[in-house]
Amino acid sequence: MLRIWRDSEFARKILELEEGKLVSRAETRAETKLEPKPAVIERREPRRSEALTLLAVLQREARLVDFVKEDIGTYSDAQVGAAVRDLHKACAVVLGRLFDLQPLSNAAEGSTAEVPRNFDPAEFHLTGKVVGDPPFRGAVRHHGWKAAKCELPEWTGSAGAAAIVAPTEVEVK
């Protein structure tokens, strides 16, 4: 719209179009001076999803994927319990180091809490009989978690290896 005010030739062509006088494409192309844009070659570093990076760390340090993918139906409860104990400890170390997870609320489970009028739905998950407008009062069922930091390792692999969670281990003898 602003071009009509700045470019009298363009404004003339618009008026001709409105009056039913069509401007040929050849005429329009000849009058328009298009300079080719220089080719931009963007160098892209290999990328990997941060979710895969986290999963790879949990596999490397806690063998989480191995545990979840294992058919545990043939193991005794004692064997599964022993495996879970080690898995639990290793995963807790990884999550502590990478995220420093802390309770979102200091309220004890079962205690009464008030959800303010303009609450953030990311901070409160309401369950039960939610009727009307906030503020709401209810019993705390879980204190929630927040990350005090997020320090995932930087991935430096190749583009072809971006989806690899764990490499094939080969013991050479």
Protein backbone atom coordinates (compact mmCIF):
# COMPACT_ATOMS: atom_id res chain seq x y z
CA MET A 1 0.00 0.00 0.00
CA LEU A 2 2.79 2.46 0.84
CA ARG A 3 4.47 1.80 -2.50
CA ILE A 4 1.56 3.52 -4.25
CA TRP A 5 2.47 6.78 -2.45
CA ARG A 6 6.19 6.54 -3.22
CA ASP A 7 6.24 5.10 -6.76
CA SER A 8 4.19 7.04 -9.32
CA GLU A 9 4.80 4.48 -12.09
CA PHE A 10 3.54 1.70 -9.81
CA ALA A 11 0.51 3.81 -8.91
CA ARG A 12 -0.23 4.35 -12.63
CA LYS A 13 -0.18 0.57 -13.24
CA ILE A 14 -2.55 -0.03 -10.33
CA LEU A 15 -4.97 2.54 -11.78
CA GLU A 16 -4.75 0.85 -15.20
CA LEU A 17 -5.54 -2.51 -13.59
CA GLU A 18 -8.54 -1.02 -11.82
CA GLU A 19 -9.77 0.47 -15.14
CA GLY A 20 -9.49 -2.92 -16.82
CA LYS A 21 -6.32 -2.23 -18.75
CA LEU A 22 -4.11 -5.25 -18.09
CA VAL A 23 -0.37 -4.85 -17.98
CA SER A 24 1.43 -7.66 -19.76
CA ARG A 25 3.74 -9.87 -17.78
CA ALA A 26 6.51 -9.28 -20.28
CA GLU A 27 6.21 -5.52 -19.78
CA THR A 28 6.20 -5.93 -16.02
CA ARG A 29 9.26 -8.24 -16.08
CA ALA A 30 11.17 -5.93 -18.43
CA GLU A 31 10.60 -2.93 -16.19
CA THR A 32 11.40 -4.76 -12.99
CA LYS A 33 15.09 -4.98 -12.35
CA LEU A 34 15.76 -8.05 -10.30
CA GLU A 35 19.26 -8.63 -9.14
CA PRO A 36 20.04 -12.23 -8.32
CA LYS A 37 20.64 -12.87 -4.66
CA PRO A 38 24.03 -14.29 -3.88
CA ALA A 39 23.89 -17.93 -2.86
CA VAL A 40 24.21 -18.26 0.88
CA ILE A 41 25.87 -21.43 1.99
CA GLU A 42 25.02 -21.99 5.59
CA ARG A 43 27.40 -24.26 7.41
CA ARG A 44 25.41 -26.25 9.89
CA GLU A 45 27.00 -27.97 12.79
CA PRO A 46 25.75 -31.47 13.50
CA ARG A 47 22.73 -31.29 15.79
CA ARG A 48 21.25 -33.66 18.31
CA SER A 49 18.11 -33.49 20.38
CA GLU A 50 18.76 -32.61 24.02
CA ALA A 51 16.33 -35.39 24.92
CA LEU A 52 18.58 -37.93 23.21
CA THR A 53 21.61 -36.46 24.96
CA LEU A 54 19.89 -36.93 28.33
CA LEU A 55 18.84 -40.47 27.42
CA ALA A 56 22.41 -41.27 26.34
CA VAL A 57 23.77 -40.02 29.69
CA LEU A 58 21.21 -42.08 31.62
CA GLN A 59 22.16 -45.14 29.55
CA ARG A 60 25.92 -44.59 29.88
CA GLU A 61 25.92 -43.93 33.62
CA ALA A 62 22.89 -45.88 34.87
CA ARG A 63 22.10 -48.41 32.10
CA LEU A 64 18.49 -47.13 32.11
CA VAL A 65 17.65 -48.20 28.56
CA ASP A 66 19.13 -51.66 29.12
CA PHE A 67 16.97 -52.08 32.23
CA VAL A 68 13.75 -50.85 30.60
CA LYS A 69 14.26 -52.94 27.45
CA GLU A 70 15.14 -56.10 29.41
CA ASP A 71 12.43 -58.75 29.84
CA ILE A 72 12.36 -58.97 33.65
CA GLY A 73 9.61 -61.60 33.73
CA THR A 74 12.10 -64.43 34.20
CA TYR A 75 13.91 -62.81 37.14
CA SER A 76 12.92 -63.15 40.78
CA ASP A 77 11.62 -60.16 42.72
CA ALA A 78 14.87 -60.15 44.70
CA GLN A 79 16.94 -59.95 41.49
CA VAL A 80 14.76 -57.12 40.11
CA GLY A 81 14.91 -55.31 43.45
CA ALA A 82 18.71 -55.50 43.51
CA ALA A 83 18.90 -54.15 39.94
CA VAL A 84 16.46 -51.35 40.71
CA ARG A 85 18.46 -50.29 43.75
CA ASP A 86 21.58 -49.74 41.62
CA LEU A 87 19.58 -48.11 38.81
CA HIS A 88 17.84 -45.77 41.26
CA LYS A 89 21.11 -44.62 42.79
CA ALA A 90 22.83 -44.06 39.43
CA CYS A 91 19.86 -42.15 37.95
CA ALA A 92 19.65 -39.95 41.07
CA VAL A 93 23.33 -39.05 40.67
CA VAL A 94 22.84 -38.12 37.00
CA LEU A 95 19.72 -36.01 37.64
CA GLY A 96 21.36 -34.29 40.60
CA ARG A 97 24.48 -33.41 38.60
CA LEU A 98 22.67 -32.21 35.48
CA PHE A 99 19.60 -30.52 36.98
CA ASP A 100 20.01 -30.08 40.75
CA LEU A 101 16.33 -30.97 41.23
CA GLN A 102 14.63 -29.32 44.20
CA PRO A 103 11.07 -29.41 45.56
CA LEU A 104 8.83 -26.76 43.98
CA SER A 105 6.94 -26.32 47.26
CA ASN A 106 8.00 -26.72 50.87
CA ALA A 107 4.46 -27.81 51.81
CA ALA A 108 4.24 -31.30 53.26
CA GLU A 109 2.08 -33.87 51.51
CA GLY A 110 -1.38 -33.83 53.07
CA SER A 111 -1.07 -30.24 54.30
CA THR A 112 -3.44 -27.51 53.05
CA ALA A 113 -2.28 -25.11 50.34
CA GLU A 114 -3.86 -22.17 48.59
CA VAL A 115 -3.67 -21.77 44.82
CA PRO A 116 -3.69 -18.01 44.07
CA ARG A 117 -6.09 -16.24 41.71
CA ASN A 118 -3.61 -15.74 38.83
CA PHE A 119 -1.73 -19.02 39.25
CA ASP A 120 0.61 -20.43 36.62
CA PRO A 121 -0.70 -23.81 35.37
CA ALA A 122 2.91 -24.97 35.07
CA GLU A 123 3.28 -24.49 38.84
CA PHE A 124 0.00 -26.07 40.00
CA HIS A 125 -1.80 -29.18 38.72
CA LEU A 126 -5.33 -29.20 40.08
CA THR A 127 -7.16 -32.49 40.64
CA GLY A 128 -10.42 -33.41 42.31
CA LYS A 129 -13.54 -31.26 42.16
CA VAL A 130 -12.34 -28.01 40.60
CA VAL A 131 -15.33 -25.66 40.38
CA GLY A 132 -15.47 -21.89 40.14
CA ASP A 133 -12.69 -19.36 39.98
CA PRO A 134 -9.46 -19.26 42.01
CA PRO A 135 -8.20 -18.90 44.63
CA PHE A 136 -8.59 -22.58 45.47
CA ARG A 137 -7.73 -24.44 48.68
CA GLY A 138 -6.85 -28.10 48.80
CA ALA A 139 -4.58 -30.82 50.07
CA VAL A 140 -1.04 -31.09 48.71
CA ARG A 141 -0.63 -34.49 47.00
CA HIS A 142 2.85 -33.88 45.58
CA HIS A 143 5.28 -31.02 46.18
CA GLY A 144 6.43 -30.81 42.53
CA TRP A 145 9.98 -30.44 41.25
CA LYS A 146 12.01 -27.65 39.68
CA ALA A 147 15.46 -27.66 38.15
CA ALA A 148 17.93 -25.29 39.78
CA LYS A 149 20.14 -25.72 36.70
CA CYS A 150 20.25 -27.49 33.35
CA GLU A 151 23.74 -28.52 32.32
CA LEU A 152 23.52 -31.17 29.63
CA PRO A 153 26.81 -32.21 28.11
CA GLU A 154 27.55 -30.69 24.71
CA TRP A 155 27.28 -33.24 21.97
CA THR A 156 30.18 -33.26 19.50
CA GLY A 157 29.42 -36.28 17.34
CA SER A 158 28.79 -36.48 13.63
CA ALA A 159 25.44 -35.82 11.95
CA GLY A 160 25.11 -39.52 11.16
CA ALA A 161 25.44 -40.43 14.84
CA ALA A 162 22.87 -37.92 16.12
CA ALA A 163 20.28 -40.62 16.92
CA ILE A 164 22.65 -43.07 18.60
CA VAL A 165 21.88 -43.43 22.30
CA ALA A 166 24.60 -45.97 23.06
CA PRO A 167 27.34 -47.35 20.83
CA THR A 168 27.84 -51.06 20.25
CA GLU A 169 30.39 -52.27 22.77
CA VAL A 170 32.99 -54.66 21.42
CA GLU A 171 35.58 -56.30 23.65
CA VAL A 172 38.68 -56.94 21.59
CA LYS A 173 40.82 -59.90 22.66
